[in-house]
Amino acid sequence: MAIGLSQLISTQLEVSRVEQLKEMASQAEFSALQSRINPHFLFNALNAISSLIRLRPDDARSLIGNLADFLRYNLQRTQILIPLDDALKQVRDYVAIEQARFGRKLQVHFDVEPVAISIAPLLIQPLVENAIQHGFQPSAHACEVTIKVRETAQGAQITITDTGVGIAPELIDKLYQGDIDSQHIGLMNVHQRLQLLYGQGLHIERLNPGTQIRFEILTKGKACYAQ
């Protein structure tokens, strides 16, 4: 009995150790993905500001303030998760830059229910950026982008919808297969981090016109990394 009990305890300890190692590996992978998305955002924001410097220097100066607030906030935060309101502030800073570039051709709407949850930084903003860069910019027409947040029984659902050219069906397939090109690094990055955090990634649907992307933030059932 003593030998059997010791073997059982040893097995349980080994299983616990394996699970701990898996969690550490997932968290390391998540941190690596998180660090990769920040330079991507910075490059695109600076590129947007540079296009305004000659023609509209006052607007460019104001947008540098938006970018400074964004970067200052991120440098001060060390948590993997942040309040949803702070994540939406990131989006608003980015949207201010893009709307200054495109004026009335680009309309961005926030349809947000108050939900007291935390999410990873730069989950929503890259999807809004993707809608603007790959949905709106190739289009010859004005475009609307809507960010919707709704509370659910398990947490919240976040949806980004645009009226642009629409995502190619083959791109959706490549995203789910993990074989997407570097032009859509933000989309793939968000998909992978959601899978690590909640076990499920993005749900993408081609509309007529435009694209809808949604994801779930789970506060029950699926453990998230501690802050």
Protein backbone atom coordinates (compact mmCIF):
# COMPACT_ATOMS: atom_id res chain seq x y z
CA MET A 1 0.00 0.00 0.00
CA ALA A 2 2.82 2.37 0.88
CA ILE A 3 4.52 1.73 -2.47
CA GLY A 4 1.22 2.21 -4.35
CA LEU A 5 0.48 5.43 -2.49
CA SER A 6 3.94 6.83 -3.17
CA GLN A 7 3.60 6.01 -6.87
CA LEU A 8 0.20 7.75 -6.99
CA ILE A 9 1.58 10.87 -5.28
CA SER A 10 4.59 10.86 -7.61
CA THR A 11 2.32 10.62 -10.65
CA GLN A 12 0.12 13.49 -9.42
CA LEU A 13 3.17 15.66 -8.79
CA GLU A 14 4.47 14.93 -12.28
CA VAL A 15 1.11 15.80 -13.87
CA SER A 16 1.04 19.04 -11.91
CA ARG A 17 4.57 19.83 -13.03
CA VAL A 18 3.70 19.18 -16.69
CA GLU A 19 0.67 21.47 -16.45
CA GLN A 20 2.80 24.17 -14.83
CA LEU A 21 5.35 23.92 -17.62
CA LYS A 22 2.60 24.15 -20.25
CA GLU A 23 1.20 27.26 -18.56
CA MET A 24 4.66 28.85 -18.42
CA ALA A 25 5.26 28.08 -22.09
CA SER A 26 1.89 29.55 -23.06
CA GLN A 27 2.55 32.68 -21.04
CA ALA A 28 6.00 33.07 -22.61
CA GLU A 29 4.49 32.70 -26.07
CA PHE A 30 1.79 35.24 -25.20
CA SER A 31 4.39 37.75 -23.96
CA ALA A 32 6.42 37.32 -27.15
CA LEU A 33 3.34 37.97 -29.29
CA GLN A 34 2.43 40.98 -27.16
CA SER A 35 5.88 42.56 -27.55
CA ARG A 36 5.73 42.03 -31.33
CA ILE A 37 2.51 43.99 -31.84
CA ASN A 38 3.73 47.21 -30.17
CA PRO A 39 6.37 48.13 -32.81
CA HIS A 40 3.82 47.30 -35.51
CA PHE A 41 1.39 49.84 -34.04
CA LEU A 42 4.11 52.46 -33.54
CA PHE A 43 5.32 52.19 -37.15
CA ASN A 44 1.82 52.69 -38.57
CA ALA A 45 1.00 55.56 -36.20
CA LEU A 46 4.21 57.44 -37.07
CA ASN A 47 3.56 56.87 -40.76
CA ALA A 48 0.09 58.37 -40.37
CA ILE A 49 1.44 61.42 -38.53
CA SER A 50 4.22 62.00 -41.06
CA SER A 51 1.66 62.33 -43.83
CA LEU A 52 0.13 65.34 -42.02
CA ILE A 53 3.26 67.26 -41.01
CA ARG A 54 3.60 69.41 -44.15
CA LEU A 55 -0.04 70.07 -44.97
CA ARG A 56 -1.56 70.24 -41.48
CA PRO A 57 1.18 70.74 -38.88
CA ASP A 58 -1.26 71.69 -36.09
CA ASP A 59 -3.18 68.46 -36.57
CA ALA A 60 0.09 66.52 -36.64
CA ARG A 61 1.14 68.16 -33.36
CA SER A 62 -2.15 67.22 -31.74
CA LEU A 63 -1.85 63.63 -32.95
CA ILE A 64 1.64 63.34 -31.54
CA GLY A 65 -0.03 64.06 -28.21
CA ASN A 66 -2.43 61.15 -28.79
CA LEU A 67 0.48 58.88 -29.60
CA ALA A 68 2.45 60.09 -26.57
CA ASP A 69 -0.49 59.32 -24.28
CA PHE A 70 -0.78 55.87 -25.81
CA LEU A 71 2.92 55.06 -25.40
CA ARG A 72 3.15 56.57 -21.91
CA TYR A 73 0.28 54.43 -20.74
CA ASN A 74 1.78 51.25 -22.18
CA LEU A 75 5.21 51.91 -20.70
CA GLN A 76 3.67 52.32 -17.27
CA ARG A 77 1.73 49.06 -17.43
CA THR A 78 3.31 45.71 -16.69
CA GLN A 79 0.12 43.62 -16.44
CA ILE A 80 -0.91 41.16 -19.09
CA LEU A 81 -4.52 42.29 -18.65
CA ILE A 82 -5.91 45.84 -18.49
CA PRO A 83 -9.42 47.24 -17.90
CA LEU A 84 -11.62 47.24 -20.98
CA ASP A 85 -12.07 51.03 -20.71
CA ASP A 86 -8.29 51.45 -20.99
CA ALA A 87 -8.21 49.21 -24.05
CA LEU A 88 -10.90 51.36 -25.65
CA LYS A 89 -8.85 54.47 -24.84
CA GLN A 90 -6.04 52.89 -26.89
CA VAL A 91 -8.48 52.52 -29.77
CA ARG A 92 -9.71 56.12 -29.50
CA ASP A 93 -6.12 57.43 -29.60
CA TYR A 94 -5.48 55.44 -32.76
CA VAL A 95 -8.80 56.45 -34.36
CA ALA A 96 -8.02 60.13 -33.74
CA ILE A 97 -4.88 59.75 -35.86
CA GLU A 98 -6.65 57.99 -38.73
CA GLN A 99 -9.67 60.29 -38.79
CA ALA A 100 -7.36 63.29 -39.00
CA ARG A 101 -5.83 61.71 -42.09
CA PHE A 102 -9.02 60.81 -43.92
CA GLY A 103 -11.57 63.33 -42.66
CA ARG A 104 -15.22 62.67 -43.43
CA LYS A 105 -14.46 59.68 -45.64
CA LEU A 106 -13.87 57.62 -42.51
CA GLN A 107 -16.51 57.43 -39.80
CA VAL A 108 -15.84 55.42 -36.64
CA HIS A 109 -18.63 54.65 -34.18
CA PHE A 110 -18.37 53.28 -30.63
CA ASP A 111 -21.39 51.27 -29.48
CA VAL A 112 -20.21 50.19 -26.05
CA GLU A 113 -22.10 48.74 -23.11
CA PRO A 114 -20.36 49.27 -19.75
CA VAL A 115 -18.71 45.96 -18.86
CA ALA A 116 -16.35 45.68 -15.88
CA ILE A 117 -13.80 43.23 -17.29
CA SER A 118 -10.10 43.18 -18.14
CA ILE A 119 -8.56 42.17 -21.45
CA ALA A 120 -5.10 42.02 -22.99
CA PRO A 121 -3.74 45.28 -24.44
CA LEU A 122 -3.88 45.76 -28.21
CA LEU A 123 -6.59 43.24 -28.98
CA ILE A 124 -9.19 45.68 -30.29
CA GLN A 125 -6.93 48.33 -31.86
CA PRO A 126 -5.20 46.03 -34.39
CA LEU A 127 -8.62 44.87 -35.62
CA VAL A 128 -9.77 48.46 -36.09
CA GLU A 129 -6.47 49.17 -37.84
CA ASN A 130 -7.04 46.17 -40.10
CA ALA A 131 -10.54 47.42 -40.97
CA ILE A 132 -9.16 50.83 -41.92
CA GLN A 133 -6.06 49.67 -43.82
CA HIS A 134 -7.49 46.66 -45.63
CA GLY A 135 -11.19 47.49 -45.70
CA PHE A 136 -11.46 51.25 -46.09
CA GLN A 137 -8.24 52.38 -47.79
CA PRO A 138 -8.51 50.15 -50.91
CA SER A 139 -12.09 51.33 -51.39
CA ALA A 140 -13.02 54.34 -53.51
CA HIS A 141 -15.95 55.11 -51.22
CA ALA A 142 -16.47 56.46 -47.72
CA CYS A 143 -16.44 53.83 -44.99
CA GLU A 144 -17.91 53.28 -41.55
CA VAL A 145 -16.23 51.26 -38.81
CA THR A 146 -18.23 50.26 -35.74
CA ILE A 147 -16.79 48.94 -32.48
CA LYS A 148 -19.47 47.17 -30.48
CA VAL A 149 -19.15 45.77 -26.94
CA ARG A 150 -21.88 43.67 -25.38
CA GLU A 151 -21.99 41.90 -22.02
CA THR A 152 -22.59 38.14 -22.13
CA ALA A 153 -23.20 35.46 -19.52
CA GLN A 154 -19.54 34.42 -19.76
CA GLY A 155 -17.98 37.88 -20.06
CA ALA A 156 -18.24 40.10 -23.14
CA GLN A 157 -18.43 39.96 -26.92
CA ILE A 158 -16.49 42.52 -28.96
CA THR A 159 -17.34 43.09 -32.63
CA ILE A 160 -15.62 45.25 -35.24
CA THR A 161 -17.62 45.82 -38.42
CA ASP A 162 -16.62 47.84 -41.48
CA THR A 163 -18.32 48.71 -44.77
CA GLY A 164 -15.13 48.42 -46.84
CA VAL A 165 -14.09 46.11 -49.66
CA GLY A 166 -14.53 42.92 -47.65
CA ILE A 167 -12.00 40.31 -46.61
CA ALA A 168 -11.00 37.64 -49.12
CA PRO A 169 -12.36 34.17 -48.22
CA GLU A 170 -8.92 32.63 -48.76
CA LEU A 171 -7.46 35.01 -46.17
CA ILE A 172 -9.94 33.75 -43.60
CA ASP A 173 -8.88 30.18 -44.38
CA LYS A 174 -5.19 31.07 -44.05
CA LEU A 175 -5.80 32.74 -40.69
CA TYR A 176 -7.49 29.65 -39.28
CA GLN A 177 -4.67 27.50 -40.68
CA GLY A 178 -1.99 29.76 -39.15
CA ASP A 179 -0.53 30.56 -42.57
CA ILE A 180 -1.20 34.27 -42.99
CA ASP A 181 1.22 36.71 -44.68
CA SER A 182 3.16 39.54 -43.01
CA GLN A 183 0.77 42.21 -44.30
CA HIS A 184 -1.81 40.98 -41.80
CA ILE A 185 0.47 40.47 -38.78
CA GLY A 186 -1.96 42.31 -36.51
CA LEU A 187 -4.84 40.01 -37.40
CA MET A 188 -2.80 36.86 -36.84
CA ASN A 189 -1.28 38.21 -33.63
CA VAL A 190 -4.67 38.93 -32.09
CA HIS A 191 -6.01 35.52 -33.18
CA GLN A 192 -3.10 33.68 -31.55
CA ARG A 193 -3.23 35.64 -28.30
CA LEU A 194 -6.97 35.06 -27.97
CA GLN A 195 -6.41 31.34 -28.44
CA LEU A 196 -3.78 31.34 -25.69
CA LEU A 197 -5.95 33.33 -23.29
CA TYR A 198 -9.39 31.88 -23.90
CA GLY A 199 -8.97 28.80 -26.07
CA GLN A 200 -10.73 30.35 -29.08
CA GLY A 201 -9.68 33.02 -31.55
CA LEU A 202 -11.39 35.35 -34.00
CA HIS A 203 -14.66 34.72 -35.82
CA ILE A 204 -14.58 36.43 -39.22
CA GLU A 205 -17.46 36.92 -41.64
CA ARG A 206 -17.47 38.58 -45.05
CA LEU A 207 -20.42 40.95 -45.43
CA ASN A 208 -21.95 42.75 -48.38
CA PRO A 209 -20.34 45.20 -48.12
CA GLY A 210 -17.51 44.87 -45.64
CA THR A 211 -16.27 42.53 -42.95
CA GLN A 212 -17.28 41.61 -39.42
CA ILE A 213 -14.78 40.32 -36.86
CA ARG A 214 -15.80 39.32 -33.37
CA PHE A 215 -14.30 37.60 -30.36
CA GLU A 216 -15.32 36.57 -26.86
CA ILE A 217 -13.74 37.67 -23.60
CA LEU A 218 -14.35 34.91 -21.08
CA THR A 219 -14.30 35.68 -17.37
CA LYS A 220 -15.80 32.32 -16.39
CA GLY A 221 -14.72 28.80 -17.20
CA LYS A 222 -11.39 29.59 -18.88
CA ALA A 223 -8.57 30.76 -16.62
CA CYS A 224 -6.74 33.89 -17.67
CA TYR A 225 -3.18 34.81 -16.81
CA ALA A 226 -2.90 36.65 -13.54
CA GLN A 227 -2.23 40.35 -13.55
